[in-house]
Amino acid sequence: MSISEKTTATILEAASHVLALRGEAGSMSEVASAAGVGRSTLYRHFPTREALLEALTQMALTEASDRLAEAKLESVPPLEALARVIRTLVFVGDRYIVLLEAQVSIDPAVTERAVAAPLRRVIERGQAEGVIRTDIDAMSLLELLGGLIVVSIRLAAERKTGIEETAATIQRVFVEGAGTR
């Protein structure tokens, strides 16, 4: 890894921490300071705040994708896989909550590949095995769960609840609503 790549990685890591703590109030100066670089170095790597947020979005999607792959979703029953997905997305979402607030534009194909496809496979497998209701199609359940996760991450940030508590709440609400009777 080149010095420039190391600096970029350091800036992005610092930005994820600063912006997770300070939200949209976190400044580029605070990011530079947390990264241990000057503002000119920060702006050389990320000329605008939007460029920084776009790079953070890519970092968040990569992290979510990597963590979902590590969760070995296909090796556990669908409801356990669902719990793993929820914990992963809440953990990643908590680190990158500023992206939810900033409403950064995300390439739908990247989101599909990184997050939606693995989650949809879990839901479809649960439907096929009879543990997730089939009167609502998998895409609708996917959208509903995604919305529940986003809203819960925002609420958790406001109320200062922990990641595990947030994930457990989402799982209870979704599984009780999506589970078969």
Protein backbone atom coordinates (compact mmCIF):
# COMPACT_ATOMS: atom_id res chain seq x y z
CA MET A 1 0.00 0.00 0.00
CA SER A 2 1.43 3.37 -1.04
CA ILE A 3 1.73 6.32 1.29
CA SER A 4 -1.15 8.02 -0.53
CA GLU A 5 -3.37 4.93 -0.07
CA LYS A 6 -2.43 4.75 3.62
CA THR A 7 -3.26 8.43 4.05
CA THR A 8 -6.61 7.95 2.31
CA ALA A 9 -7.42 4.96 4.53
CA THR A 10 -6.42 6.91 7.65
CA ILE A 11 -8.60 9.87 6.64
CA LEU A 12 -11.60 7.63 5.93
CA GLU A 13 -11.23 5.81 9.24
CA ALA A 14 -10.99 9.12 11.10
CA ALA A 15 -13.97 10.50 9.18
CA SER A 16 -16.09 7.48 10.08
CA HIS A 17 -15.35 8.08 13.78
CA VAL A 18 -15.72 11.86 13.77
CA LEU A 19 -18.93 11.82 11.76
CA ALA A 20 -20.42 8.93 13.75
CA LEU A 21 -19.91 10.98 16.92
CA ARG A 22 -20.68 14.46 15.59
CA GLY A 23 -23.01 13.72 12.69
CA GLU A 24 -23.33 16.39 10.06
CA ALA A 25 -21.88 18.89 12.54
CA GLY A 26 -18.49 17.17 12.19
CA SER A 27 -16.23 19.43 10.17
CA MET A 28 -13.54 18.71 7.64
CA SER A 29 -11.09 20.34 10.08
CA GLU A 30 -12.09 17.84 12.77
CA VAL A 31 -11.62 14.99 10.32
CA ALA A 32 -8.16 16.27 9.36
CA SER A 33 -7.19 16.65 13.00
CA ALA A 34 -8.45 13.16 13.91
CA ALA A 35 -6.53 11.71 10.96
CA GLY A 36 -3.37 13.52 11.98
CA VAL A 37 -3.10 15.35 8.67
CA GLY A 38 -3.33 18.97 7.62
CA ARG A 39 -6.43 20.37 5.97
CA SER A 40 -4.52 20.74 2.70
CA THR A 41 -3.74 17.00 2.74
CA LEU A 42 -7.36 16.19 3.47
CA TYR A 43 -8.56 18.38 0.59
CA ARG A 44 -5.94 16.91 -1.75
CA HIS A 45 -7.49 13.46 -1.15
CA PHE A 46 -11.11 14.64 -0.85
CA PRO A 47 -11.66 18.03 -2.50
CA THR A 48 -15.19 18.35 -1.09
CA ARG A 49 -17.24 17.03 1.78
CA GLU A 50 -19.38 15.24 -0.81
CA ALA A 51 -16.32 13.43 -2.15
CA LEU A 52 -15.46 12.33 1.38
CA LEU A 53 -19.03 11.11 1.99
CA GLU A 54 -19.03 9.23 -1.32
CA ALA A 55 -15.79 7.47 -0.36
CA LEU A 56 -17.25 6.67 3.08
CA THR A 57 -20.29 5.19 1.35
CA GLN A 58 -18.09 2.87 -0.67
CA MET A 59 -16.20 1.95 2.51
CA ALA A 60 -19.47 1.22 4.34
CA LEU A 61 -20.81 -0.97 1.52
CA THR A 62 -17.53 -2.88 1.31
CA GLU A 63 -17.51 -3.40 5.08
CA ALA A 64 -21.15 -4.55 5.07
CA SER A 65 -20.49 -6.94 2.19
CA ASP A 66 -17.36 -8.37 3.82
CA ARG A 67 -19.09 -8.84 7.18
CA LEU A 68 -22.10 -10.50 5.56
CA ALA A 69 -19.76 -12.91 3.77
CA GLU A 70 -17.98 -13.65 7.08
CA ALA A 71 -21.35 -14.34 8.74
CA LYS A 72 -21.74 -17.51 6.62
CA LEU A 73 -25.46 -16.90 6.23
CA GLU A 74 -26.02 -20.03 4.16
CA SER A 75 -24.64 -22.29 6.90
CA VAL A 76 -27.28 -21.51 9.55
CA PRO A 77 -31.09 -21.71 9.67
CA PRO A 78 -32.87 -18.74 8.05
CA LEU A 79 -33.93 -17.03 11.28
CA GLU A 80 -30.37 -17.21 12.66
CA ALA A 81 -29.08 -15.91 9.32
CA LEU A 82 -31.59 -13.07 9.58
CA ALA A 83 -30.31 -12.25 13.07
CA ARG A 84 -26.75 -12.19 11.74
CA VAL A 85 -27.74 -9.87 8.88
CA ILE A 86 -29.50 -7.50 11.26
CA ARG A 87 -26.56 -7.37 13.70
CA THR A 88 -24.14 -6.77 10.83
CA LEU A 89 -26.17 -3.99 9.27
CA VAL A 90 -26.81 -2.29 12.61
CA PHE A 91 -23.11 -2.43 13.46
CA VAL A 92 -22.06 -1.01 10.09
CA GLY A 93 -24.94 1.48 10.07
CA ASP A 94 -24.00 2.75 13.51
CA ARG A 95 -20.46 3.53 12.28
CA TYR A 96 -21.73 5.29 9.18
CA ILE A 97 -24.94 6.89 10.42
CA VAL A 98 -23.95 10.24 8.93
CA LEU A 99 -24.48 8.69 5.49
CA LEU A 100 -28.12 8.10 6.36
CA GLU A 101 -28.51 11.71 7.43
CA ALA A 102 -26.63 13.13 4.45
CA GLN A 103 -28.66 10.97 2.06
CA VAL A 104 -25.65 10.18 -0.09
CA SER A 105 -26.51 8.84 -3.53
CA ILE A 106 -25.65 5.14 -3.82
CA ASP A 107 -25.36 3.11 -7.00
CA PRO A 108 -28.30 0.64 -6.83
CA ALA A 109 -26.24 -2.12 -8.46
CA VAL A 110 -23.57 -1.86 -5.77
CA THR A 111 -26.17 -1.87 -3.00
CA GLU A 112 -27.86 -4.87 -4.59
CA ARG A 113 -24.64 -6.86 -4.75
CA ALA A 114 -23.30 -5.85 -1.33
CA VAL A 115 -26.40 -5.98 0.86
CA ALA A 116 -29.74 -6.61 -0.82
CA ALA A 117 -28.93 -9.89 -2.60
CA PRO A 118 -27.58 -11.71 0.49
CA LEU A 119 -30.54 -10.51 2.56
CA ARG A 120 -33.06 -11.45 -0.12
CA ARG A 121 -31.55 -14.96 -0.32
CA VAL A 122 -32.05 -15.36 3.44
CA ILE A 123 -35.66 -14.21 3.20
CA GLU A 124 -36.39 -16.46 0.22
CA ARG A 125 -34.80 -19.44 1.98
CA GLY A 126 -36.89 -18.71 5.06
CA GLN A 127 -40.01 -18.59 2.91
CA ALA A 128 -39.09 -21.87 1.19
CA GLU A 129 -38.53 -23.52 4.59
CA GLY A 130 -41.81 -22.16 5.95
CA VAL A 131 -40.37 -19.95 8.71
CA ILE A 132 -40.99 -16.62 6.98
CA ARG A 133 -44.45 -15.75 5.70
CA THR A 134 -45.13 -16.13 2.00
CA ASP A 135 -48.19 -13.89 1.66
CA ILE A 136 -45.76 -10.95 1.32
CA ASP A 137 -43.18 -11.22 -1.44
CA ALA A 138 -39.47 -11.33 -0.60
CA MET A 139 -38.75 -7.91 -2.17
CA SER A 140 -41.41 -6.22 -0.04
CA LEU A 141 -40.09 -7.92 3.10
CA LEU A 142 -36.58 -6.82 2.12
CA GLU A 143 -37.70 -3.20 1.73
CA LEU A 144 -39.62 -3.28 5.01
CA LEU A 145 -36.66 -4.74 6.90
CA GLY A 146 -34.30 -2.19 5.34
CA GLY A 147 -36.56 0.65 6.42
CA LEU A 148 -36.85 -0.80 9.92
CA ILE A 149 -33.06 -1.02 10.19
CA VAL A 150 -32.52 2.57 9.01
CA VAL A 151 -35.15 4.00 11.36
CA SER A 152 -33.87 1.91 14.27
CA ILE A 153 -30.27 3.05 13.73
CA ARG A 154 -31.44 6.67 13.81
CA LEU A 155 -33.49 6.09 16.96
CA ALA A 156 -30.63 4.25 18.63
CA ALA A 157 -28.28 7.16 17.92
CA GLU A 158 -30.75 9.63 19.44
CA ARG A 159 -31.47 7.48 22.47
CA LYS A 160 -27.93 6.18 22.87
CA THR A 161 -29.00 2.53 22.89
CA GLY A 162 -26.43 -0.10 22.14
CA ILE A 163 -25.92 -2.05 18.94
CA GLU A 164 -27.00 -5.38 20.44
CA GLU A 165 -30.16 -3.90 21.96
CA THR A 166 -31.05 -2.23 18.67
CA ALA A 167 -30.43 -5.40 16.67
CA ALA A 168 -32.49 -7.48 19.11
CA THR A 169 -35.40 -5.03 18.87
CA ILE A 170 -35.34 -5.08 15.07
CA GLN A 171 -35.21 -8.85 15.05
CA ARG A 172 -38.16 -9.17 17.44
CA VAL A 173 -40.30 -6.70 15.51
CA PHE A 174 -39.47 -8.09 12.10
CA VAL A 175 -39.56 -11.81 12.91
CA GLU A 176 -42.83 -11.52 14.79
CA GLY A 177 -44.30 -9.64 11.84
CA ALA A 178 -42.67 -11.68 9.08
CA GLY A 179 -42.72 -15.08 10.74
CA THR A 180 -45.35 -17.65 9.98
CA ARG A 181 -48.18 -18.14 12.43
